[in-house]
Amino acid sequence: MVGSSSQALIAKRLEGKVAIITGGASGIGKSTVRLFVQHGAKVIIADVQDELGLSLCRELNQDESVSYVHCDVTSDTDVKNVVDVAISKYGKLDIMYNNAGIPGQVNQTIVEADNENFKRVFEVNVYGAFLGAKHAAKVMIPAKKGVILFTSSVASENSGESPHSYTVSKHAVVGLMKNLCVELGQYGIRVNCIAPCAVATPLLRNTLGMEKDVVEKAICEAAVLKGVVPGTEDMAEAALYLASDESKYVSGLNLMVDGGYSTTNPSFSIVLRNLLS
């Protein structure tokens, strides 16, 4: 009986919470929607992928715990609207997870970089995150509580492996998180980032033009931590921790979910092994 009670408590870590997840129709966002609902939250999926978002709602909506709102995160009107929907439907907003993002063009050189692509990546990844935080803060400050989350990236710690636009945008997201942590702490609002490693999401697979198993094989070969294939569910678990009361004194953290990848640069050891072999 004690074990059953403990499991019941663990299974509802977000009981009574209301969350918005941008980019919630696919990838990391989709896995986070599933996990948040499993743990008792009411979730609003904010995305531009209408068919995917509505399909996920139909799949999970056994008790009307999930809603879908079309939301372009670069539109102030759209972002304000999705927050307004949360307030009108549930009367509050506990968690704002600014997860939506794009990788942009895979282009490593500054000389060949496309200017419009650089602007677009910043518009979605940084300005979109800014708008989400801004409109969430407007309702969380009077309530004197809340959680604002962002998806950053291992690229916010590592350099030289991602396009300039993407890397710089994720550094900017971490900077925004840290500034908001200081400003909003006085209102009891916690602000954190989840920093995923490479994960074989549809977005990454489409960007690379590779099948899932090929991408996962490459990720595992490059990994520091062996024996684990990182998935969107791992990132969702990190988001669950930071959204729940279990992290009630955690704020200002860029939580690396990368199996230790960001701790080392293996370039020299790889070259050395090749020379000795």
C-alpha atoms as a PDB file:
ATOM      1  CA  MET A   1       0.000   0.000   0.000  1.00  0.00           C
ATOM      2  CA  VAL A   2       2.816   2.387   0.852  1.00  0.00           C
ATOM      3  CA  GLY A   3       4.455   1.693  -2.513  1.00  0.00           C
ATOM      4  CA  SER A   4       1.187   2.313  -4.343  1.00  0.00           C
ATOM      5  CA  SER A   5       0.661   5.611  -2.522  1.00  0.00           C
ATOM      6  CA  SER A   6       4.177   6.747  -3.353  1.00  0.00           C
ATOM      7  CA  GLN A   7       3.697   5.895  -7.026  1.00  0.00           C
ATOM      8  CA  ALA A   8       0.402   7.795  -7.100  1.00  0.00           C
ATOM      9  CA  LEU A   9       2.106  10.881  -5.690  1.00  0.00           C
ATOM     10  CA  ILE A  10       5.009  10.617  -8.113  1.00  0.00           C
ATOM     11  CA  ALA A  11       2.612  10.184 -11.036  1.00  0.00           C
ATOM     12  CA  LYS A  12       0.973  13.558 -10.364  1.00  0.00           C
ATOM     13  CA  ARG A  13       3.891  15.962  -9.939  1.00  0.00           C
ATOM     14  CA  LEU A  14       2.014  18.730 -11.775  1.00  0.00           C
ATOM     15  CA  GLU A  15      -1.452  18.119 -10.363  1.00  0.00           C
ATOM     16  CA  GLY A  16      -3.566  21.264 -10.696  1.00  0.00           C
ATOM     17  CA  LYS A  17      -0.945  23.130 -12.756  1.00  0.00           C
ATOM     18  CA  VAL A  18      -1.677  24.938 -16.018  1.00  0.00           C
ATOM     19  CA  ALA A  19       1.034  24.976 -18.690  1.00  0.00           C
ATOM     20  CA  ILE A  20       1.622  26.445 -22.129  1.00  0.00           C
ATOM     21  CA  ILE A  21       4.164  24.663 -24.320  1.00  0.00           C
ATOM     22  CA  THR A  22       5.223  26.412 -27.504  1.00  0.00           C
ATOM     23  CA  GLY A  23       6.334  24.127 -30.303  1.00  0.00           C
ATOM     24  CA  GLY A  24       4.309  21.467 -28.502  1.00  0.00           C
ATOM     25  CA  ALA A  25       3.033  19.640 -31.560  1.00  0.00           C
ATOM     26  CA  SER A  26       6.220  17.709 -32.327  1.00  0.00           C
ATOM     27  CA  GLY A  27       9.668  16.736 -31.076  1.00  0.00           C
ATOM     28  CA  ILE A  28      10.677  17.726 -27.548  1.00  0.00           C
ATOM     29  CA  GLY A  29       7.510  19.770 -27.133  1.00  0.00           C
ATOM     30  CA  LYS A  30       5.276  16.821 -27.990  1.00  0.00           C
ATOM     31  CA  SER A  31       7.017  14.534 -25.493  1.00  0.00           C
ATOM     32  CA  THR A  32       6.733  17.253 -22.850  1.00  0.00           C
ATOM     33  CA  VAL A  33       3.009  17.671 -23.504  1.00  0.00           C
ATOM     34  CA  ARG A  34       2.509  13.936 -23.000  1.00  0.00           C
ATOM     35  CA  LEU A  35       4.538  13.878 -19.782  1.00  0.00           C
ATOM     36  CA  PHE A  36       2.941  17.003 -18.299  1.00  0.00           C
ATOM     37  CA  VAL A  37      -0.540  15.594 -18.928  1.00  0.00           C
ATOM     38  CA  GLN A  38       0.494  12.283 -17.390  1.00  0.00           C
ATOM     39  CA  HIS A  39       1.519  14.201 -14.291  1.00  0.00           C
ATOM     40  CA  GLY A  40      -1.779  16.001 -13.905  1.00  0.00           C
ATOM     41  CA  ALA A  41      -1.280  19.298 -15.749  1.00  0.00           C
ATOM     42  CA  LYS A  42      -3.721  21.089 -18.015  1.00  0.00           C
ATOM     43  CA  VAL A  43      -1.711  21.864 -21.133  1.00  0.00           C
ATOM     44  CA  ILE A  44      -2.168  24.270 -24.012  1.00  0.00           C
ATOM     45  CA  ILE A  45      -0.178  23.361 -27.116  1.00  0.00           C
ATOM     46  CA  ALA A  46       0.932  26.513 -28.929  1.00  0.00           C
ATOM     47  CA  ASP A  47       2.241  25.793 -32.410  1.00  0.00           C
ATOM     48  CA  VAL A  48       1.841  26.547 -36.106  1.00  0.00           C
ATOM     49  CA  GLN A  49       1.575  22.857 -37.027  1.00  0.00           C
ATOM     50  CA  ASP A  50      -2.203  22.698 -36.801  1.00  0.00           C
ATOM     51  CA  GLU A  51      -2.756  19.113 -37.976  1.00  0.00           C
ATOM     52  CA  LEU A  52      -0.111  17.711 -35.642  1.00  0.00           C
ATOM     53  CA  GLY A  53      -1.332  19.788 -32.705  1.00  0.00           C
ATOM     54  CA  LEU A  54      -4.976  18.836 -33.147  1.00  0.00           C
ATOM     55  CA  SER A  55      -4.049  15.178 -33.631  1.00  0.00           C
ATOM     56  CA  LEU A  56      -2.119  15.181 -30.335  1.00  0.00           C
ATOM     57  CA  CYS A  57      -5.116  16.763 -28.618  1.00  0.00           C
ATOM     58  CA  ARG A  58      -7.438  14.041 -29.909  1.00  0.00           C
ATOM     59  CA  GLU A  59      -5.012  11.376 -28.748  1.00  0.00           C
ATOM     60  CA  LEU A  60      -4.565  12.733 -25.209  1.00  0.00           C
ATOM     61  CA  ASN A  61      -7.860  14.459 -24.543  1.00  0.00           C
ATOM     62  CA  GLN A  62      -9.603  11.797 -22.512  1.00  0.00           C
ATOM     63  CA  ASP A  63     -10.464  14.309 -19.780  1.00  0.00           C
ATOM     64  CA  GLU A  64     -10.148  17.531 -21.800  1.00  0.00           C
ATOM     65  CA  SER A  65      -6.716  18.152 -20.314  1.00  0.00           C
ATOM     66  CA  VAL A  66      -5.162  19.374 -23.575  1.00  0.00           C
ATOM     67  CA  SER A  67      -6.023  22.279 -25.868  1.00  0.00           C
ATOM     68  CA  TYR A  68      -4.477  23.488 -29.099  1.00  0.00           C
ATOM     69  CA  VAL A  69      -4.056  27.136 -30.060  1.00  0.00           C
ATOM     70  CA  HIS A  70      -2.472  28.214 -33.331  1.00  0.00           C
ATOM     71  CA  CYS A  71       0.438  30.424 -32.321  1.00  0.00           C
ATOM     72  CA  ASP A  72       3.278  31.936 -34.282  1.00  0.00           C
ATOM     73  CA  VAL A  73       5.754  32.755 -31.515  1.00  0.00           C
ATOM     74  CA  THR A  74       7.076  35.708 -33.513  1.00  0.00           C
ATOM     75  CA  SER A  75       3.643  37.361 -33.370  1.00  0.00           C
ATOM     76  CA  ASP A  76       2.966  39.458 -30.283  1.00  0.00           C
ATOM     77  CA  THR A  77      -0.769  39.093 -30.912  1.00  0.00           C
ATOM     78  CA  ASP A  78      -0.592  35.301 -31.152  1.00  0.00           C
ATOM     79  CA  VAL A  79       1.491  34.902 -28.005  1.00  0.00           C
ATOM     80  CA  LYS A  80      -0.735  37.270 -26.024  1.00  0.00           C
ATOM     81  CA  ASN A  81      -3.757  35.324 -27.264  1.00  0.00           C
ATOM     82  CA  VAL A  82      -2.513  31.930 -26.086  1.00  0.00           C
ATOM     83  CA  VAL A  83      -1.835  33.346 -22.611  1.00  0.00           C
ATOM     84  CA  ASP A  84      -5.301  34.934 -22.619  1.00  0.00           C
ATOM     85  CA  VAL A  85      -6.798  31.547 -23.529  1.00  0.00           C
ATOM     86  CA  ALA A  86      -5.075  29.945 -20.535  1.00  0.00           C
ATOM     87  CA  ILE A  87      -6.436  32.618 -18.198  1.00  0.00           C
ATOM     88  CA  SER A  88      -9.972  32.557 -19.606  1.00  0.00           C
ATOM     89  CA  LYS A  89     -10.137  28.751 -19.622  1.00  0.00           C
ATOM     90  CA  TYR A  90      -8.332  27.899 -16.388  1.00  0.00           C
ATOM     91  CA  GLY A  91      -8.020  31.179 -14.497  1.00  0.00           C
ATOM     92  CA  LYS A  92      -4.248  31.028 -14.172  1.00  0.00           C
ATOM     93  CA  LEU A  93      -0.919  30.142 -15.777  1.00  0.00           C
ATOM     94  CA  ASP A  94       1.647  28.215 -13.748  1.00  0.00           C
ATOM     95  CA  ILE A  95       4.176  27.144 -16.393  1.00  0.00           C
ATOM     96  CA  MET A  96       5.277  28.840 -19.601  1.00  0.00           C
ATOM     97  CA  TYR A  97       7.620  26.602 -21.559  1.00  0.00           C
ATOM     98  CA  ASN A  98       9.136  28.537 -24.456  1.00  0.00           C
ATOM     99  CA  ASN A  99      10.285  25.541 -26.458  1.00  0.00           C
ATOM    100  CA  ALA A 100       9.651  26.562 -30.075  1.00  0.00           C
ATOM    101  CA  GLY A 101      12.790  26.990 -32.138  1.00  0.00           C
ATOM    102  CA  ILE A 102      14.380  26.405 -35.523  1.00  0.00           C
ATOM    103  CA  PRO A 103      17.926  25.370 -36.497  1.00  0.00           C
ATOM    104  CA  GLY A 104      18.093  27.513 -39.611  1.00  0.00           C
ATOM    105  CA  GLN A 105      20.366  26.666 -42.498  1.00  0.00           C
ATOM    106  CA  VAL A 106      23.269  24.329 -41.826  1.00  0.00           C
ATOM    107  CA  ASN A 107      26.019  26.742 -42.815  1.00  0.00           C
ATOM    108  CA  GLN A 108      29.280  26.948 -40.913  1.00  0.00           C
ATOM    109  CA  THR A 109      31.003  29.880 -42.587  1.00  0.00           C
ATOM    110  CA  ILE A 110      30.504  33.537 -41.752  1.00  0.00           C
ATOM    111  CA  VAL A 111      31.326  34.545 -45.342  1.00  0.00           C
ATOM    112  CA  GLU A 112      28.619  32.350 -46.867  1.00  0.00           C
ATOM    113  CA  ALA A 113      26.011  32.941 -44.150  1.00  0.00           C
ATOM    114  CA  ASP A 114      22.606  34.046 -45.388  1.00  0.00           C
ATOM    115  CA  ASN A 115      21.533  37.322 -43.772  1.00  0.00           C
ATOM    116  CA  GLU A 116      17.804  36.628 -43.878  1.00  0.00           C
ATOM    117  CA  ASN A 117      18.299  33.181 -42.379  1.00  0.00           C
ATOM    118  CA  PHE A 118      20.263  34.716 -39.495  1.00  0.00           C
ATOM    119  CA  LYS A 119      17.437  37.188 -38.823  1.00  0.00           C
ATOM    120  CA  ARG A 120      14.773  34.474 -39.023  1.00  0.00           C
ATOM    121  CA  VAL A 121      16.547  32.189 -36.544  1.00  0.00           C
ATOM    122  CA  PHE A 122      16.805  35.080 -34.090  1.00  0.00           C
ATOM    123  CA  GLU A 123      13.188  36.043 -34.660  1.00  0.00           C
ATOM    124  CA  VAL A 124      11.924  32.562 -33.732  1.00  0.00           C
ATOM    125  CA  ASN A 125      14.484  31.449 -31.152  1.00  0.00           C
ATOM    126  CA  VAL A 126      15.080  34.718 -29.285  1.00  0.00           C
ATOM    127  CA  TYR A 127      12.252  37.139 -30.017  1.00  0.00           C
ATOM    128  CA  GLY A 128       9.733  34.295 -29.725  1.00  0.00           C
ATOM    129  CA  ALA A 129      11.151  33.327 -26.331  1.00  0.00           C
ATOM    130  CA  PHE A 130      11.105  36.986 -25.253  1.00  0.00           C
ATOM    131  CA  LEU A 131       7.422  37.356 -26.170  1.00  0.00           C
ATOM    132  CA  GLY A 132       6.494  34.161 -24.342  1.00  0.00           C
ATOM    133  CA  ALA A 133       8.269  35.301 -21.192  1.00  0.00           C
ATOM    134  CA  LYS A 134       6.837  38.817 -21.431  1.00  0.00           C
ATOM    135  CA  HIS A 135       3.193  37.768 -21.650  1.00  0.00           C
ATOM    136  CA  ALA A 136       3.612  35.001 -19.077  1.00  0.00           C
ATOM    137  CA  ALA A 137       5.230  37.444 -16.630  1.00  0.00           C
ATOM    138  CA  LYS A 138       2.257  39.808 -16.954  1.00  0.00           C
ATOM    139  CA  VAL A 139      -0.011  37.213 -15.357  1.00  0.00           C
ATOM    140  CA  MET A 140       2.536  35.532 -13.092  1.00  0.00           C
ATOM    141  CA  ILE A 141       3.754  38.720 -11.372  1.00  0.00           C
ATOM    142  CA  PRO A 142       0.357  39.541  -9.813  1.00  0.00           C
ATOM    143  CA  ALA A 143       0.013  35.886  -8.754  1.00  0.00           C
ATOM    144  CA  LYS A 144       3.530  36.023  -7.234  1.00  0.00           C
ATOM    145  CA  LYS A 145       4.386  32.580  -8.520  1.00  0.00           C
ATOM    146  CA  GLY A 146       5.128  30.717 -11.721  1.00  0.00           C
ATOM    147  CA  VAL A 147       7.731  28.921 -13.788  1.00  0.00           C
ATOM    148  CA  ILE A 148       9.190  30.134 -17.072  1.00  0.00           C
ATOM    149  CA  LEU A 149      11.249  27.630 -19.034  1.00  0.00           C
ATOM    150  CA  PHE A 150      13.243  27.879 -22.246  1.00  0.00           C
ATOM    151  CA  THR A 151      14.818  25.299 -24.520  1.00  0.00           C
ATOM    152  CA  SER A 152      18.409  26.342 -25.043  1.00  0.00           C
ATOM    153  CA  SER A 153      20.928  23.846 -26.446  1.00  0.00           C
ATOM    154  CA  VAL A 154      24.284  22.203 -25.904  1.00  0.00           C
ATOM    155  CA  ALA A 155      25.319  24.890 -28.417  1.00  0.00           C
ATOM    156  CA  SER A 156      24.935  27.416 -25.599  1.00  0.00           C
ATOM    157  CA  GLU A 157      28.036  25.816 -24.046  1.00  0.00           C
ATOM    158  CA  ASN A 158      29.898  24.287 -26.990  1.00  0.00           C
ATOM    159  CA  SER A 159      31.275  26.255 -29.916  1.00  0.00           C
ATOM    160  CA  GLY A 160      32.055  25.473 -33.536  1.00  0.00           C
ATOM    161  CA  GLU A 161      29.624  22.611 -34.120  1.00  0.00           C
ATOM    162  CA  SER A 162      26.404  24.466 -34.946  1.00  0.00           C
ATOM    163  CA  PRO A 163      25.601  27.275 -37.398  1.00  0.00           C
ATOM    164  CA  HIS A 164      26.463  30.763 -36.155  1.00  0.00           C
ATOM    165  CA  SER A 165      22.827  31.877 -36.135  1.00  0.00           C
ATOM    166  CA  TYR A 166      21.707  28.920 -34.018  1.00  0.00           C
ATOM    167  CA  THR A 167      24.633  29.039 -31.578  1.00  0.00           C
ATOM    168  CA  VAL A 168      24.345  32.760 -30.972  1.00  0.00           C
ATOM    169  CA  SER A 169      20.564  32.551 -30.597  1.00  0.00           C
ATOM    170  CA  LYS A 170      20.882  29.895 -27.893  1.00  0.00           C
ATOM    171  CA  HIS A 171      23.493  31.934 -26.033  1.00  0.00           C
ATOM    172  CA  ALA A 172      20.998  34.799 -26.175  1.00  0.00           C
ATOM    173  CA  VAL A 173      18.238  32.603 -24.752  1.00  0.00           C
ATOM    174  CA  VAL A 174      20.452  31.707 -21.788  1.00  0.00           C
ATOM    175  CA  GLY A 175      21.238  35.389 -21.277  1.00  0.00           C
ATOM    176  CA  LEU A 176      17.539  36.201 -21.307  1.00  0.00           C
ATOM    177  CA  MET A 177      16.877  33.420 -18.795  1.00  0.00           C
ATOM    178  CA  LYS A 178      19.544  34.713 -16.409  1.00  0.00           C
ATOM    179  CA  ASN A 179      18.318  38.296 -16.580  1.00  0.00           C
ATOM    180  CA  LEU A 180      14.722  37.210 -15.990  1.00  0.00           C
ATOM    181  CA  CYS A 181      15.810  35.011 -13.090  1.00  0.00           C
ATOM    182  CA  VAL A 182      17.116  38.130 -11.343  1.00  0.00           C
ATOM    183  CA  GLU A 183      14.195  40.379 -12.241  1.00  0.00           C
ATOM    184  CA  LEU A 184      11.362  37.929 -11.533  1.00  0.00           C
ATOM    185  CA  GLY A 185      12.749  36.199  -8.452  1.00  0.00           C
ATOM    186  CA  GLN A 186      11.253  38.906  -6.249  1.00  0.00           C
ATOM    187  CA  TYR A 187       7.818  37.737  -7.390  1.00  0.00           C
ATOM    188  CA  GLY A 188       8.463  34.073  -6.642  1.00  0.00           C
ATOM    189  CA  ILE A 189       8.852  33.238 -10.339  1.00  0.00           C
ATOM    190  CA  ARG A 190      11.540  30.706 -11.256  1.00  0.00           C
ATOM    191  CA  VAL A 191      13.250  30.887 -14.652  1.00  0.00           C
ATOM    192  CA  ASN A 192      15.410  28.105 -16.129  1.00  0.00           C
ATOM    193  CA  CYS A 193      16.630  26.521 -19.363  1.00  0.00           C
ATOM    194  CA  ILE A 194      16.787  22.950 -20.582  1.00  0.00           C
ATOM    195  CA  ALA A 195      19.845  22.464 -22.808  1.00  0.00           C
ATOM    196  CA  PRO A 196      19.423  19.354 -24.980  1.00  0.00           C
ATOM    197  CA  CYS A 197      22.182  17.558 -26.807  1.00  0.00           C
ATOM    198  CA  ALA A 198      21.542  16.440 -30.376  1.00  0.00           C
ATOM    199  CA  VAL A 199      18.348  14.378 -30.486  1.00  0.00           C
ATOM    200  CA  ALA A 200      16.903  12.697 -33.573  1.00  0.00           C
ATOM    201  CA  THR A 201      13.805  14.891 -33.691  1.00  0.00           C
ATOM    202  CA  PRO A 202      11.891  15.365 -36.965  1.00  0.00           C
ATOM    203  CA  LEU A 203      13.372  18.877 -37.118  1.00  0.00           C
ATOM    204  CA  LEU A 204      16.976  17.665 -36.914  1.00  0.00           C
ATOM    205  CA  ARG A 205      16.372  14.726 -39.265  1.00  0.00           C
ATOM    206  CA  ASN A 206      14.839  17.023 -41.869  1.00  0.00           C
ATOM    207  CA  THR A 207      17.655  19.545 -41.477  1.00  0.00           C
ATOM    208  CA  LEU A 208      20.317  16.868 -41.989  1.00  0.00           C
ATOM    209  CA  GLY A 209      18.316  14.924 -44.572  1.00  0.00           C
ATOM    210  CA  MET A 210      18.936  11.648 -42.718  1.00  0.00           C
ATOM    211  CA  GLU A 211      16.821   8.812 -41.348  1.00  0.00           C
ATOM    212  CA  LYS A 212      16.307   8.503 -37.592  1.00  0.00           C
ATOM    213  CA  ASP A 213      18.534   5.456 -37.137  1.00  0.00           C
ATOM    214  CA  VAL A 214      21.414   7.121 -38.983  1.00  0.00           C
ATOM    215  CA  VAL A 215      21.150  10.267 -36.857  1.00  0.00           C
ATOM    216  CA  GLU A 216      20.937   8.252 -33.639  1.00  0.00           C
ATOM    217  CA  LYS A 217      23.980   6.185 -34.619  1.00  0.00           C
ATOM    218  CA  ALA A 218      26.017   9.345 -35.194  1.00  0.00           C
ATOM    219  CA  ILE A 219      24.842  10.827 -31.885  1.00  0.00           C
ATOM    220  CA  CYS A 220      25.792   7.676 -29.975  1.00  0.00           C
ATOM    221  CA  GLU A 221      29.220   7.432 -31.622  1.00  0.00           C
ATOM    222  CA  ALA A 222      29.995  11.018 -30.616  1.00  0.00           C
ATOM    223  CA  ALA A 223      28.554  10.700 -27.111  1.00  0.00           C
ATOM    224  CA  VAL A 224      30.595  10.847 -23.916  1.00  0.00           C
ATOM    225  CA  LEU A 225      28.036   8.754 -22.027  1.00  0.00           C
ATOM    226  CA  LYS A 226      27.699   5.404 -23.772  1.00  0.00           C
ATOM    227  CA  GLY A 227      24.888   2.888 -23.616  1.00  0.00           C
ATOM    228  CA  VAL A 228      22.086   5.450 -23.835  1.00  0.00           C
ATOM    229  CA  VAL A 229      20.311   6.773 -26.913  1.00  0.00           C
ATOM    230  CA  PRO A 230      19.088  10.281 -25.995  1.00  0.00           C
ATOM    231  CA  GLY A 231      15.472  10.930 -26.852  1.00  0.00           C
ATOM    232  CA  THR A 232      12.882  13.650 -26.594  1.00  0.00           C
ATOM    233  CA  GLU A 233      11.543  11.928 -23.491  1.00  0.00           C
ATOM    234  CA  ASP A 234      14.794  12.674 -21.651  1.00  0.00           C
ATOM    235  CA  MET A 235      14.374  16.383 -22.334  1.00  0.00           C
ATOM    236  CA  ALA A 236      10.741  16.199 -21.227  1.00  0.00           C
ATOM    237  CA  GLU A 237      11.830  14.636 -17.922  1.00  0.00           C
ATOM    238  CA  ALA A 238      14.185  17.577 -17.348  1.00  0.00           C
ATOM    239  CA  ALA A 239      11.362  20.011 -18.107  1.00  0.00           C
ATOM    240  CA  LEU A 240       9.110  18.130 -15.679  1.00  0.00           C
ATOM    241  CA  TYR A 241      11.672  18.497 -12.905  1.00  0.00           C
ATOM    242  CA  LEU A 242      12.153  22.213 -13.495  1.00  0.00           C
ATOM    243  CA  ALA A 243       8.397  22.793 -13.778  1.00  0.00           C
ATOM    244  CA  SER A 244       7.525  20.874 -10.628  1.00  0.00           C
ATOM    245  CA  ASP A 245       7.758  21.858  -6.981  1.00  0.00           C
ATOM    246  CA  GLU A 246      10.671  19.438  -6.621  1.00  0.00           C
ATOM    247  CA  SER A 247      12.858  22.222  -8.019  1.00  0.00           C
ATOM    248  CA  LYS A 248      11.242  24.946  -5.894  1.00  0.00           C
ATOM    249  CA  TYR A 249      14.621  26.578  -5.111  1.00  0.00           C
ATOM    250  CA  VAL A 250      16.175  26.123  -8.560  1.00  0.00           C
ATOM    251  CA  SER A 251      16.344  29.247 -10.706  1.00  0.00           C
ATOM    252  CA  GLY A 252      18.868  30.652 -13.171  1.00  0.00           C
ATOM    253  CA  LEU A 253      19.979  27.180 -14.299  1.00  0.00           C
ATOM    254  CA  ASN A 254      20.912  26.126 -17.835  1.00  0.00           C
ATOM    255  CA  LEU A 255      20.410  22.402 -17.258  1.00  0.00           C
ATOM    256  CA  MET A 256      22.627  20.401 -19.604  1.00  0.00           C
ATOM    257  CA  VAL A 257      20.943  17.180 -20.728  1.00  0.00           C
ATOM    258  CA  ASP A 258      23.834  15.991 -22.837  1.00  0.00           C
ATOM    259  CA  GLY A 259      25.451  13.020 -21.095  1.00  0.00           C
ATOM    260  CA  GLY A 260      28.482  15.129 -20.270  1.00  0.00           C
ATOM    261  CA  TYR A 261      29.175  16.061 -23.904  1.00  0.00           C
ATOM    262  CA  SER A 262      29.704  19.746 -23.130  1.00  0.00           C
ATOM    263  CA  THR A 263      32.407  18.994 -20.570  1.00  0.00           C
ATOM    264  CA  THR A 264      35.099  18.011 -23.056  1.00  0.00           C
ATOM    265  CA  ASN A 265      36.658  18.618 -26.451  1.00  0.00           C
ATOM    266  CA  PRO A 266      37.755  15.240 -27.869  1.00  0.00           C
ATOM    267  CA  SER A 267      39.495  16.684 -30.945  1.00  0.00           C
ATOM    268  CA  PHE A 268      43.069  16.136 -29.745  1.00  0.00           C
ATOM    269  CA  SER A 269      42.456  12.588 -28.501  1.00  0.00           C
ATOM    270  CA  ILE A 270      40.801  11.663 -31.819  1.00  0.00           C
ATOM    271  CA  VAL A 271      43.741  12.999 -33.814  1.00  0.00           C
ATOM    272  CA  LEU A 272      46.186  11.242 -31.472  1.00  0.00           C
ATOM    273  CA  ARG A 273      44.395   7.892 -31.783  1.00  0.00           C
ATOM    274  CA  ASN A 274      44.449   8.198 -35.562  1.00  0.00           C
ATOM    275  CA  LEU A 275      48.192   8.946 -35.519  1.00  0.00           C
ATOM    276  CA  LEU A 276      48.921   5.964 -33.271  1.00  0.00           C
ATOM    277  CA  SER A 277      46.725   3.488 -35.103  1.00  0.00           C
END
